[in-house]
Protein backbone atom coordinates (compact mmCIF):
# COMPACT_ATOMS: atom_id res chain seq x y z
CA MET A 1 176.46 46.21 33.58
CA THR A 2 173.23 44.85 32.13
CA LYS A 3 173.42 43.24 28.72
CA PRO A 4 171.32 44.77 25.96
CA LYS A 5 168.40 42.55 25.10
CA VAL A 6 167.35 41.76 21.54
CA LEU A 7 164.07 40.08 20.73
CA VAL A 8 163.91 38.24 17.39
CA ALA A 9 160.55 37.11 15.99
CA ALA A 10 159.25 35.26 12.96
CA GLN A 11 156.01 33.66 11.84
CA ASN A 12 156.55 31.98 8.47
CA PRO A 13 159.38 29.73 7.18
CA GLY A 14 160.77 32.44 4.89
CA SER A 15 160.67 34.92 7.72
CA ALA A 16 162.44 32.44 10.01
CA ASN A 17 165.12 31.75 7.40
CA ALA A 18 165.70 35.47 6.93
CA VAL A 19 166.43 36.05 10.62
CA LEU A 20 168.57 32.92 11.12
CA PRO A 21 171.92 34.56 10.33
CA VAL A 22 171.09 37.34 12.81
CA ILE A 23 170.01 34.82 15.45
CA ASN A 24 173.21 32.82 15.05
CA LYS A 25 175.34 35.94 15.39
CA LEU A 26 173.41 37.18 18.42
CA LEU A 27 173.50 33.81 20.21
CA ALA A 28 177.28 33.69 19.73
CA ASP A 29 177.70 37.17 21.24
CA GLU A 30 178.04 36.97 25.02
CA LYS A 31 177.49 40.73 25.31
CA VAL A 32 173.86 40.45 24.15
CA GLU A 33 170.88 38.64 25.64
CA THR A 34 168.69 37.18 22.89
CA THR A 35 165.10 35.99 23.04
CA ILE A 36 163.55 34.24 20.04
CA VAL A 37 159.78 34.21 19.56
CA ALA A 38 158.35 31.81 17.00
CA HIS A 39 154.79 31.69 15.74
CA ARG A 40 153.06 29.21 13.44
CA ASP A 41 155.39 27.67 10.82
CA ALA A 42 158.49 29.41 12.19
CA ILE A 43 158.24 26.99 15.11
CA LYS A 44 159.18 24.12 12.80
CA SER A 45 162.08 26.09 11.36
CA PHE A 46 163.55 26.93 14.76
CA THR A 47 162.89 23.45 16.19
CA SER A 48 164.69 21.76 13.30
CA ARG A 49 167.72 23.96 14.00
CA ARG A 50 167.53 23.29 17.74
CA LEU A 51 167.22 26.97 18.58
CA PRO A 52 165.80 28.04 21.94
CA TYR A 53 162.53 29.87 21.36
CA LYS A 54 159.29 30.85 22.99
CA THR A 55 155.82 30.90 21.45
CA VAL A 56 152.89 33.27 21.97
CA GLU A 57 151.42 30.66 24.30
CA ASP A 58 154.41 31.15 26.63
CA TYR A 59 153.09 34.69 27.16
CA ALA A 60 149.52 33.48 27.85
CA LEU A 61 148.39 34.60 24.40
CA ASN A 62 146.04 32.10 22.80
CA GLU A 63 145.40 34.16 19.71
CA LEU A 64 147.65 36.54 17.87
CA GLU A 65 146.06 39.97 18.11
CA TYR A 66 147.92 43.21 17.57
CA GLU A 67 146.44 44.64 20.77
CA THR A 68 147.79 41.83 22.97
CA VAL A 69 151.24 41.21 21.46
CA GLY A 70 152.58 44.03 23.61
CA ARG A 71 152.47 41.56 26.50
CA ILE A 72 155.57 39.94 24.99
CA LEU A 73 157.44 43.24 25.17
CA GLU A 74 156.21 43.94 28.70
CA THR A 75 157.60 40.56 29.76
CA GLU A 76 160.88 40.55 27.84
CA LYS A 77 161.70 44.27 27.96
CA PRO A 78 163.93 44.25 24.85
CA ASN A 79 166.13 47.15 23.82
CA PHE A 80 165.80 46.27 20.15
CA ILE A 81 163.60 44.04 17.98
CA VAL A 82 164.52 42.10 14.83
CA THR A 83 161.70 40.55 12.81
CA GLY A 84 161.21 38.64 9.64
CA SER A 85 158.80 40.04 7.10
CA SER A 86 155.60 38.00 6.80
CA ALA A 87 152.24 39.06 5.35
CA GLY A 88 148.76 39.09 6.86
CA ILE A 89 147.95 39.19 10.57
CA ARG A 90 151.40 38.40 11.88
CA ILE A 91 153.52 38.53 14.99
CA GLU A 92 156.07 40.76 13.28
CA ALA A 93 153.50 43.52 12.68
CA GLY A 94 152.07 43.29 16.18
CA LEU A 95 155.52 43.62 17.72
CA ILE A 96 156.39 46.57 15.49
CA LEU A 97 153.20 48.39 16.55
CA ALA A 98 153.76 47.64 20.24
CA ALA A 99 157.43 48.64 20.00
CA ARG A 100 156.51 51.94 18.37
CA GLU A 101 154.33 52.81 21.38
CA LEU A 102 157.18 51.95 23.77
CA GLY A 103 159.93 53.69 21.81
CA ILE A 104 161.76 50.45 20.97
CA ARG A 105 163.60 50.43 17.65
CA THR A 106 162.77 47.72 15.10
CA ILE A 107 164.31 46.22 11.99
CA SER A 108 162.64 43.79 9.57
CA ILE A 109 164.61 41.51 7.32
CA LEU A 110 163.12 40.83 3.92
CA ASP A 111 163.17 37.17 2.88
CA ASN A 112 162.38 37.56 -0.82
CA PRO A 113 161.70 40.31 -3.31
CA GLY A 114 158.15 41.38 -4.02
CA ASN A 115 154.93 41.97 -2.13
CA TYR A 116 156.55 44.78 -0.18
CA ARG A 117 153.41 46.67 0.76
CA ILE A 118 151.53 43.66 2.16
CA ARG A 119 154.44 43.07 4.53
CA VAL A 120 154.05 46.49 6.14
CA ARG A 121 150.31 47.00 5.81
CA ASN A 122 148.27 47.06 9.00
CA ASP A 123 145.67 44.43 8.16
CA VAL A 124 143.49 45.52 11.07
CA THR A 125 143.19 49.20 10.16
CA GLY A 126 144.03 48.92 6.46
CA GLU A 127 146.75 51.57 6.78
CA GLU A 128 149.14 50.88 3.88
CA LEU A 129 152.45 51.48 5.68
CA GLY A 130 151.02 51.08 9.18
CA CYS A 131 153.43 48.36 10.29
CA MET A 132 156.61 49.80 8.80
CA PRO A 133 159.61 49.09 11.03
CA ASP A 134 162.23 51.73 11.78
CA ILE A 135 164.57 49.92 9.38
CA HIS A 136 163.60 47.55 6.57
CA THR A 137 166.32 45.65 4.76
CA ALA A 138 166.55 45.13 1.00
CA LEU A 139 168.09 42.06 -0.61
CA SER A 140 169.91 43.92 -3.33
CA ALA A 141 170.26 47.29 -5.03
CA ASN A 142 167.53 46.22 -7.47
CA THR A 143 165.22 45.28 -4.60
CA LEU A 144 165.91 48.63 -2.96
CA GLU A 145 165.02 50.45 -6.18
CA GLN A 146 161.76 48.50 -6.40
CA MET A 147 160.95 49.25 -2.76
CA VAL A 148 161.60 52.97 -3.21
CA ALA A 149 159.44 52.98 -6.35
CA ASP A 150 156.72 51.30 -4.28
CA GLY A 151 156.76 54.11 -1.74
CA PHE A 152 159.16 52.91 0.93
């Protein structure tokens, strides 16, 4: 039987820190195959923790563009994607968009309260909730209330 494959991605230090508990749990589970993709400052976070990761360059991507990030999914063929929650043009958003087209479920883990909309905005098209994952975590009941009030 083939193991389910989970791809975990992060771009910024906060995003990397948010997914670390998930990464540790997944790497300890022999029933799951885990691939970690780090971009920009998340590389330092994963390197300092001696985690095995790949970068966008490993997929022959020199620049992070939403249209080309799908190459990572074509190569890895994950069953599920876990991302951090960075802002701006980010690997997390590109993977969420590519996963949506392929029918792959996604979850984003929030690293701190606030700035909810910029974490799910598609900065290419300007669509406010354009990069919303299938599931988005909240840090607390108060954070959840704020997110719901903000239109999540």
